[in-house]
Amino acid sequence: MSKPQDQPRFNSLRLDKTKVWAEEVVRRAEQIFGLYVFDQNRRVHCCEFTPSYECFFVGSAIGNTDLDETDAERLDAEIREGDLGTEPIRYFHCHEIDALHKIGDHDLKGPKNNNRYTLVVLWLIE
């Protein structure tokens, strides 16, 4: 008899990546975050006993919302170009991610989420 598969439990992870960007870009963006998605029910082993989450890069987001439309578009284009050099997958030990503060549906305002999957934001400072 085979064991039933766990349903995916997708989560998002936001990493502060400000330190790895050029000073000129950071000056305008203020902060730059790498956004990742992972399945919390899927653990992988990267040549070690400690399990890791396989985190898929979605894109980058900036912290500065005070830019005018033209500057925001220019900065967005530069960041998208920089994102092309980002590894598409990163691995983080499960215990490091599991220890982070989680924000769930109960923390969000608005209509109740009736979706099958809940997207949870986790914070990791590098």
C-alpha atoms as a PDB file:
ATOM      1  CA  MET A   1       0.000   0.000   0.000  1.00  0.00           C
ATOM      2  CA  SER A   2       1.473   3.358  -0.993  1.00  0.00           C
ATOM      3  CA  LYS A   3       1.514   6.417   1.228  1.00  0.00           C
ATOM      4  CA  PRO A   4      -0.818   9.216   0.002  1.00  0.00           C
ATOM      5  CA  GLN A   5       0.939  12.330  -1.268  1.00  0.00           C
ATOM      6  CA  ASP A   6       0.693  15.481   0.823  1.00  0.00           C
ATOM      7  CA  GLN A   7      -1.094  18.366  -0.828  1.00  0.00           C
ATOM      8  CA  PRO A   8       1.268  21.213  -1.770  1.00  0.00           C
ATOM      9  CA  ARG A   9       1.443  24.031   0.767  1.00  0.00           C
ATOM     10  CA  PHE A  10       2.870  26.936  -1.152  1.00  0.00           C
ATOM     11  CA  ASN A  11       4.537  29.770   0.712  1.00  0.00           C
ATOM     12  CA  SER A  12       6.471  32.852  -0.294  1.00  0.00           C
ATOM     13  CA  LEU A  13       9.778  34.040   1.040  1.00  0.00           C
ATOM     14  CA  ARG A  14      11.095  37.601   0.868  1.00  0.00           C
ATOM     15  CA  LEU A  15      14.867  38.074   1.159  1.00  0.00           C
ATOM     16  CA  ASP A  16      16.555  41.422   1.664  1.00  0.00           C
ATOM     17  CA  LYS A  17      18.968  41.514  -1.297  1.00  0.00           C
ATOM     18  CA  THR A  18      19.864  45.209  -1.053  1.00  0.00           C
ATOM     19  CA  LYS A  19      23.558  44.456  -0.348  1.00  0.00           C
ATOM     20  CA  VAL A  20      24.109  42.647  -3.651  1.00  0.00           C
ATOM     21  CA  TRP A  21      22.822  45.444  -5.904  1.00  0.00           C
ATOM     22  CA  ALA A  22      24.811  48.358  -7.338  1.00  0.00           C
ATOM     23  CA  GLU A  23      24.894  51.480  -5.179  1.00  0.00           C
ATOM     24  CA  GLU A  24      23.205  53.588  -7.892  1.00  0.00           C
ATOM     25  CA  VAL A  25      20.219  51.211  -8.049  1.00  0.00           C
ATOM     26  CA  VAL A  26      19.954  50.977  -4.248  1.00  0.00           C
ATOM     27  CA  ARG A  27      19.981  54.764  -3.921  1.00  0.00           C
ATOM     28  CA  ARG A  28      16.760  54.935  -5.956  1.00  0.00           C
ATOM     29  CA  ALA A  29      15.133  51.698  -4.743  1.00  0.00           C
ATOM     30  CA  GLU A  30      15.984  52.164  -1.022  1.00  0.00           C
ATOM     31  CA  GLN A  31      15.552  48.413  -0.475  1.00  0.00           C
ATOM     32  CA  ILE A  32      15.461  45.474  -2.893  1.00  0.00           C
ATOM     33  CA  PHE A  33      13.874  42.159  -2.021  1.00  0.00           C
ATOM     34  CA  GLY A  34      14.158  38.819  -3.781  1.00  0.00           C
ATOM     35  CA  LEU A  35      10.822  37.017  -3.859  1.00  0.00           C
ATOM     36  CA  TYR A  36      10.697  33.213  -3.820  1.00  0.00           C
ATOM     37  CA  VAL A  37       7.976  30.544  -3.729  1.00  0.00           C
ATOM     38  CA  PHE A  38       8.352  27.088  -2.184  1.00  0.00           C
ATOM     39  CA  ASP A  39       6.246  24.091  -1.153  1.00  0.00           C
ATOM     40  CA  GLN A  40       6.515  23.662   2.605  1.00  0.00           C
ATOM     41  CA  ASN A  41       5.451  20.009   2.289  1.00  0.00           C
ATOM     42  CA  ARG A  42       8.368  19.177  -0.033  1.00  0.00           C
ATOM     43  CA  ARG A  43      11.789  18.726   1.536  1.00  0.00           C
ATOM     44  CA  VAL A  44      14.928  17.917  -0.425  1.00  0.00           C
ATOM     45  CA  HIS A  45      18.373  16.765   0.664  1.00  0.00           C
ATOM     46  CA  CYS A  46      21.304  18.538  -1.006  1.00  0.00           C
ATOM     47  CA  CYS A  47      24.111  16.029  -0.327  1.00  0.00           C
ATOM     48  CA  GLU A  48      23.478  16.272   3.427  1.00  0.00           C
ATOM     49  CA  PHE A  49      21.153  14.884   6.081  1.00  0.00           C
ATOM     50  CA  THR A  50      19.592  18.262   6.878  1.00  0.00           C
ATOM     51  CA  PRO A  51      16.450  18.801   4.762  1.00  0.00           C
ATOM     52  CA  SER A  52      16.057  21.964   2.693  1.00  0.00           C
ATOM     53  CA  TYR A  53      13.267  23.784   0.918  1.00  0.00           C
ATOM     54  CA  GLU A  54      13.638  24.275  -2.818  1.00  0.00           C
ATOM     55  CA  CYS A  55      12.843  27.982  -3.340  1.00  0.00           C
ATOM     56  CA  PHE A  56      11.981  29.222  -6.844  1.00  0.00           C
ATOM     57  CA  PHE A  57      12.892  32.813  -7.713  1.00  0.00           C
ATOM     58  CA  VAL A  58       9.899  34.881  -8.819  1.00  0.00           C
ATOM     59  CA  GLY A  59      11.450  38.331  -9.138  1.00  0.00           C
ATOM     60  CA  SER A  60      12.601  41.379  -7.210  1.00  0.00           C
ATOM     61  CA  ALA A  61      10.592  44.087  -5.491  1.00  0.00           C
ATOM     62  CA  ILE A  62      11.678  47.520  -4.295  1.00  0.00           C
ATOM     63  CA  GLY A  63      10.953  49.369  -1.060  1.00  0.00           C
ATOM     64  CA  ASN A  64      10.637  52.888  -2.510  1.00  0.00           C
ATOM     65  CA  THR A  65       7.088  53.767  -3.544  1.00  0.00           C
ATOM     66  CA  ASP A  66       7.728  57.532  -3.832  1.00  0.00           C
ATOM     67  CA  LEU A  67       9.155  57.445  -7.380  1.00  0.00           C
ATOM     68  CA  ASP A  68       7.310  59.155 -10.207  1.00  0.00           C
ATOM     69  CA  GLU A  69       6.019  56.915 -13.012  1.00  0.00           C
ATOM     70  CA  THR A  70       8.975  57.479 -15.362  1.00  0.00           C
ATOM     71  CA  ASP A  71      11.633  56.832 -12.697  1.00  0.00           C
ATOM     72  CA  ALA A  72       9.720  53.788 -11.433  1.00  0.00           C
ATOM     73  CA  GLU A  73       9.566  52.310 -14.954  1.00  0.00           C
ATOM     74  CA  ARG A  74      13.284  52.943 -15.534  1.00  0.00           C
ATOM     75  CA  LEU A  75      14.217  51.389 -12.202  1.00  0.00           C
ATOM     76  CA  ASP A  76      11.915  48.435 -12.819  1.00  0.00           C
ATOM     77  CA  ALA A  77      13.602  47.797 -16.188  1.00  0.00           C
ATOM     78  CA  GLU A  78      17.060  47.871 -14.545  1.00  0.00           C
ATOM     79  CA  ILE A  79      15.960  45.486 -11.818  1.00  0.00           C
ATOM     80  CA  ARG A  80      14.341  43.068 -14.305  1.00  0.00           C
ATOM     81  CA  GLU A  81      17.606  43.089 -16.270  1.00  0.00           C
ATOM     82  CA  GLY A  82      19.544  42.369 -13.068  1.00  0.00           C
ATOM     83  CA  ASP A  83      17.111  39.565 -12.206  1.00  0.00           C
ATOM     84  CA  LEU A  84      18.268  37.703 -15.311  1.00  0.00           C
ATOM     85  CA  GLY A  85      21.507  36.907 -13.468  1.00  0.00           C
ATOM     86  CA  THR A  86      19.733  35.491 -10.417  1.00  0.00           C
ATOM     87  CA  GLU A  87      19.854  31.741  -9.845  1.00  0.00           C
ATOM     88  CA  PRO A  88      16.360  30.355 -10.547  1.00  0.00           C
ATOM     89  CA  ILE A  89      16.438  28.052  -7.491  1.00  0.00           C
ATOM     90  CA  ARG A  90      17.951  28.453  -4.005  1.00  0.00           C
ATOM     91  CA  TYR A  91      17.959  25.974  -1.166  1.00  0.00           C
ATOM     92  CA  PHE A  92      17.491  26.914   2.489  1.00  0.00           C
ATOM     93  CA  HIS A  93      17.537  24.554   5.454  1.00  0.00           C
ATOM     94  CA  CYS A  94      14.000  23.858   6.597  1.00  0.00           C
ATOM     95  CA  HIS A  95      14.755  24.681  10.240  1.00  0.00           C
ATOM     96  CA  GLU A  96      15.948  28.184   9.221  1.00  0.00           C
ATOM     97  CA  ILE A  97      12.766  28.914   7.259  1.00  0.00           C
ATOM     98  CA  ASP A  98      10.446  27.257   9.797  1.00  0.00           C
ATOM     99  CA  ALA A  99      11.861  29.474  12.568  1.00  0.00           C
ATOM    100  CA  LEU A 100      10.902  32.700  10.751  1.00  0.00           C
ATOM    101  CA  HIS A 101       7.920  34.863  11.667  1.00  0.00           C
ATOM    102  CA  LYS A 102       4.951  33.919   9.497  1.00  0.00           C
ATOM    103  CA  ILE A 103       2.168  36.136   8.258  1.00  0.00           C
ATOM    104  CA  GLY A 104      -1.005  34.220   7.436  1.00  0.00           C
ATOM    105  CA  ASP A 105      -4.582  34.875   6.367  1.00  0.00           C
ATOM    106  CA  HIS A 106      -5.551  35.982   9.879  1.00  0.00           C
ATOM    107  CA  ASP A 107      -3.018  38.846   9.574  1.00  0.00           C
ATOM    108  CA  LEU A 108      -4.411  40.104   6.263  1.00  0.00           C
ATOM    109  CA  LYS A 109      -7.343  42.475   5.921  1.00  0.00           C
ATOM    110  CA  GLY A 110      -9.963  41.975   3.230  1.00  0.00           C
ATOM    111  CA  PRO A 111     -12.325  39.205   2.133  1.00  0.00           C
ATOM    112  CA  LYS A 112     -11.795  35.713   3.517  1.00  0.00           C
ATOM    113  CA  ASN A 113      -9.452  33.658   1.332  1.00  0.00           C
ATOM    114  CA  ASN A 114     -11.353  30.619   0.043  1.00  0.00           C
ATOM    115  CA  ASN A 115      -8.518  29.439  -2.196  1.00  0.00           C
ATOM    116  CA  ARG A 116      -7.177  25.951  -1.821  1.00  0.00           C
ATOM    117  CA  TYR A 117      -3.663  27.234  -1.124  1.00  0.00           C
ATOM    118  CA  THR A 118      -2.654  29.984   1.234  1.00  0.00           C
ATOM    119  CA  LEU A 119       0.340  32.106   0.363  1.00  0.00           C
ATOM    120  CA  VAL A 120       2.288  32.972   3.486  1.00  0.00           C
ATOM    121  CA  VAL A 121       4.989  35.633   3.629  1.00  0.00           C
ATOM    122  CA  LEU A 122       8.117  34.766   5.582  1.00  0.00           C
ATOM    123  CA  TRP A 123      10.949  37.171   6.353  1.00  0.00           C
ATOM    124  CA  LEU A 124      14.633  36.332   6.180  1.00  0.00           C
ATOM    125  CA  ILE A 125      17.379  38.884   6.706  1.00  0.00           C
ATOM    126  CA  GLU A 126      20.702  37.984   5.117  1.00  0.00           C
END
